[in-house]
Amino acid sequence: MDRGQIETLISRVALNDRAAFTGLYDATSAKLFGVCLRVLNDRAAAEDAMQDSFVKVWKHASRYQANGLSPMTWLITIARNTAIDRLRATRKGHVDIDTPGLELAASGAGPEQMAVASGEARRLVGCLDELSEDRGVAVRGAYLDGQSYQELADAFSVPLNTMRTWLRRGLMSLRECMSRE
């Protein structure tokens, strides 16, 4: 599914179109599950985080703005942040309660979707490996393991703003690498 089709689905979801929501779920759930699984490293927790992510998409689809950036970036950010929040909550000893409201009918990812997600994950790992060692560890820590910028700055003995710069440049390098065919 291309960018325009996903943007159209998101705009229809903003109008409470359940069929569009189902289509968006079917088109993106495999990739978002992969993001959640990478952060949480637990299949059941990743499934819960992905479902929570789609609840947020349903509630906040009207906030999405088509600005030339990939709608997948918006969706992945929601999934990653949801997974990180869940990871931080479990580290603090809190357990998330079920979100009341929308019931999601999961059709599940098919073999093709899982293969695509697996290929994307391999590409991402390859791109992460292209970063210098300290930058790669910092990006993995921040965006996959849920470490705060301050925790990373302390771990690398660099000022907070330096860590922010490392992470911003690392993400720019990853975006460039992932856009290569």
Protein backbone atom coordinates (compact mmCIF):
# COMPACT_ATOMS: atom_id res chain seq x y z
CA MET A 1 0.00 0.00 0.00
CA ASP A 2 1.46 3.37 -0.92
CA ARG A 3 1.68 6.59 1.10
CA GLY A 4 -1.42 8.14 -0.45
CA GLN A 5 -3.58 5.13 0.28
CA ILE A 6 -2.48 5.05 3.92
CA GLU A 7 -3.11 8.80 4.26
CA THR A 8 -6.59 8.30 2.81
CA LEU A 9 -7.30 5.52 5.29
CA ILE A 10 -6.11 7.69 8.20
CA SER A 11 -8.34 10.56 7.08
CA ARG A 12 -11.32 8.18 6.83
CA VAL A 13 -10.50 6.78 10.29
CA ALA A 14 -10.66 10.37 11.57
CA LEU A 15 -14.29 10.32 10.39
CA ASN A 16 -14.92 7.13 12.43
CA ASP A 17 -14.98 4.89 9.35
CA ARG A 18 -14.61 1.35 10.76
CA ALA A 19 -13.97 -0.19 7.34
CA ALA A 20 -11.06 2.20 6.80
CA PHE A 21 -9.76 1.34 10.26
CA THR A 22 -9.85 -2.36 9.41
CA GLY A 23 -8.01 -1.63 6.16
CA LEU A 24 -5.40 0.45 7.97
CA TYR A 25 -4.96 -2.29 10.56
CA ASP A 26 -4.55 -4.98 7.90
CA ALA A 27 -2.06 -2.87 5.95
CA THR A 28 0.15 -1.77 8.85
CA SER A 29 -0.26 -4.14 11.79
CA ALA A 30 2.63 -6.43 10.82
CA LYS A 31 5.11 -3.56 10.71
CA LEU A 32 3.80 -1.96 13.91
CA PHE A 33 3.88 -5.31 15.68
CA GLY A 34 7.54 -5.63 14.66
CA VAL A 35 8.29 -2.22 16.18
CA CYS A 36 6.54 -3.15 19.44
CA LEU A 37 8.22 -6.56 19.56
CA ARG A 38 11.66 -5.03 19.07
CA VAL A 39 11.12 -2.60 21.97
CA LEU A 40 9.46 -5.05 24.37
CA ASN A 41 11.10 -8.33 23.36
CA ASP A 42 7.96 -10.17 24.53
CA ARG A 43 5.33 -11.32 22.06
CA ALA A 44 2.30 -10.96 24.37
CA ALA A 45 3.36 -7.51 25.58
CA ALA A 46 4.06 -6.46 21.97
CA GLU A 47 0.58 -7.59 20.91
CA ASP A 48 -0.95 -5.57 23.73
CA ALA A 49 1.13 -2.52 22.88
CA MET A 50 0.17 -2.80 19.21
CA GLN A 51 -3.52 -2.98 20.13
CA ASP A 52 -3.10 0.05 22.41
CA SER A 53 -1.40 1.83 19.51
CA PHE A 54 -4.37 1.23 17.23
CA VAL A 55 -6.74 2.49 19.91
CA LYS A 56 -4.67 5.70 19.96
CA VAL A 57 -4.77 5.88 16.15
CA TRP A 58 -8.58 5.52 16.26
CA LYS A 59 -8.91 8.27 18.86
CA HIS A 60 -6.34 10.66 17.39
CA ALA A 61 -6.50 10.12 13.62
CA SER A 62 -7.81 13.66 13.22
CA ARG A 63 -4.46 14.96 14.51
CA TYR A 64 -2.54 13.45 11.59
CA GLN A 65 -1.46 16.05 9.05
CA ALA A 66 -0.35 15.05 5.56
CA ASN A 67 2.80 17.16 5.35
CA GLY A 68 4.87 15.24 2.83
CA LEU A 69 6.32 12.90 5.43
CA SER A 70 5.44 9.24 5.45
CA PRO A 71 2.22 8.38 7.31
CA MET A 72 4.04 5.23 8.41
CA THR A 73 6.42 7.45 10.37
CA TRP A 74 3.43 8.79 12.32
CA LEU A 75 2.06 5.29 12.94
CA ILE A 76 5.46 3.85 13.88
CA THR A 77 6.05 6.73 16.30
CA ILE A 78 2.74 5.98 18.03
CA ALA A 79 3.60 2.28 18.27
CA ARG A 80 7.16 2.88 19.46
CA ASN A 81 6.10 5.41 22.09
CA THR A 82 3.32 3.11 23.31
CA ALA A 83 5.75 0.21 23.61
CA ILE A 84 8.32 2.39 25.41
CA ASP A 85 5.65 3.62 27.83
CA ARG A 86 4.66 0.01 28.53
CA LEU A 87 8.32 -0.96 29.02
CA ARG A 88 8.92 1.92 31.42
CA ALA A 89 5.75 1.10 33.36
CA THR A 90 6.80 -2.51 33.82
CA ARG A 91 10.29 -1.42 34.90
CA LYS A 92 8.71 0.71 37.61
CA GLY A 93 6.58 -2.21 38.74
CA HIS A 94 3.30 -0.87 37.35
CA VAL A 95 1.06 -2.92 35.15
CA ASP A 96 -1.06 -1.27 32.45
CA ILE A 97 -4.77 -1.84 32.76
CA ASP A 98 -6.81 -2.65 29.70
CA THR A 99 -7.96 0.35 27.75
CA PRO A 100 -11.75 0.45 27.81
CA GLY A 101 -13.59 1.27 24.64
CA LEU A 102 -12.94 0.10 21.14
CA GLU A 103 -12.94 -3.60 20.41
CA LEU A 104 -10.51 -4.47 17.65
CA ALA A 105 -11.10 -7.38 15.33
CA ALA A 106 -7.61 -8.65 14.57
CA SER A 107 -7.29 -10.45 11.29
CA GLY A 108 -3.63 -11.12 12.05
CA ALA A 109 -0.64 -10.76 9.83
CA GLY A 110 -0.39 -13.18 6.97
CA PRO A 111 2.81 -14.84 5.80
CA GLU A 112 3.44 -12.16 3.19
CA GLN A 113 3.08 -9.34 5.73
CA MET A 114 5.37 -11.15 8.16
CA ALA A 115 7.96 -11.65 5.40
CA VAL A 116 7.83 -7.94 4.50
CA ALA A 117 8.16 -6.96 8.17
CA SER A 118 11.06 -9.36 8.60
CA GLY A 119 12.80 -7.90 5.53
CA GLU A 120 12.30 -4.36 6.83
CA ALA A 121 13.71 -5.38 10.21
CA ARG A 122 16.81 -6.86 8.52
CA ARG A 123 17.27 -3.64 6.53
CA LEU A 124 16.95 -1.57 9.72
CA VAL A 125 19.51 -3.73 11.54
CA GLY A 126 21.87 -3.35 8.58
CA CYS A 127 21.42 0.42 8.64
CA LEU A 128 21.98 0.53 12.40
CA ASP A 129 25.20 -1.42 11.88
CA GLU A 130 26.39 1.28 9.45
CA LEU A 131 26.37 3.86 12.26
CA SER A 132 29.51 4.32 14.31
CA GLU A 133 29.50 1.98 17.31
CA ASP A 134 28.69 4.61 19.96
CA ARG A 135 25.98 6.23 17.83
CA GLY A 136 24.43 2.84 17.04
CA VAL A 137 24.35 1.87 20.72
CA ALA A 138 22.81 5.26 21.61
CA VAL A 139 20.11 5.02 18.92
CA ARG A 140 19.26 1.45 19.95
CA GLY A 141 19.15 2.52 23.60
CA ALA A 142 16.85 5.48 22.97
CA TYR A 143 14.48 4.12 20.35
CA LEU A 144 14.47 0.38 20.92
CA ASP A 145 15.25 -0.06 24.62
CA GLY A 146 13.39 3.00 25.92
CA GLN A 147 16.31 4.70 27.65
CA SER A 148 15.93 8.42 28.24
CA TYR A 149 18.29 10.93 26.64
CA GLN A 150 19.65 11.75 30.09
CA GLU A 151 20.35 8.09 30.87
CA LEU A 152 22.26 7.79 27.59
CA ALA A 153 24.17 11.04 28.15
CA ASP A 154 25.23 9.77 31.57
CA ALA A 155 26.20 6.35 30.18
CA PHE A 156 28.39 7.92 27.47
CA SER A 157 29.66 10.74 29.73
CA VAL A 158 28.57 13.44 27.29
CA PRO A 159 26.39 16.52 27.80
CA LEU A 160 22.65 16.08 27.22
CA ASN A 161 22.64 18.33 24.14
CA THR A 162 25.48 16.29 22.63
CA MET A 163 23.41 13.14 23.08
CA ARG A 164 20.43 14.83 21.42
CA THR A 165 22.66 15.74 18.48
CA TRP A 166 23.99 12.18 18.23
CA LEU A 167 20.47 10.79 18.17
CA ARG A 168 19.16 13.34 15.66
CA ARG A 169 22.08 12.70 13.30
CA GLY A 170 21.76 8.97 13.81
CA LEU A 171 18.08 9.08 12.83
CA MET A 172 18.92 11.17 9.78
CA SER A 173 21.51 8.58 8.74
CA LEU A 174 19.01 5.77 9.29
CA ARG A 175 16.36 7.55 7.21
CA GLU A 176 18.87 8.03 4.40
CA CYS A 177 19.97 4.39 4.59
CA MET A 178 16.40 3.05 4.66
CA SER A 179 15.42 5.16 1.64
CA ARG A 180 18.12 3.50 -0.50
CA GLU A 181 16.77 0.70 -2.65
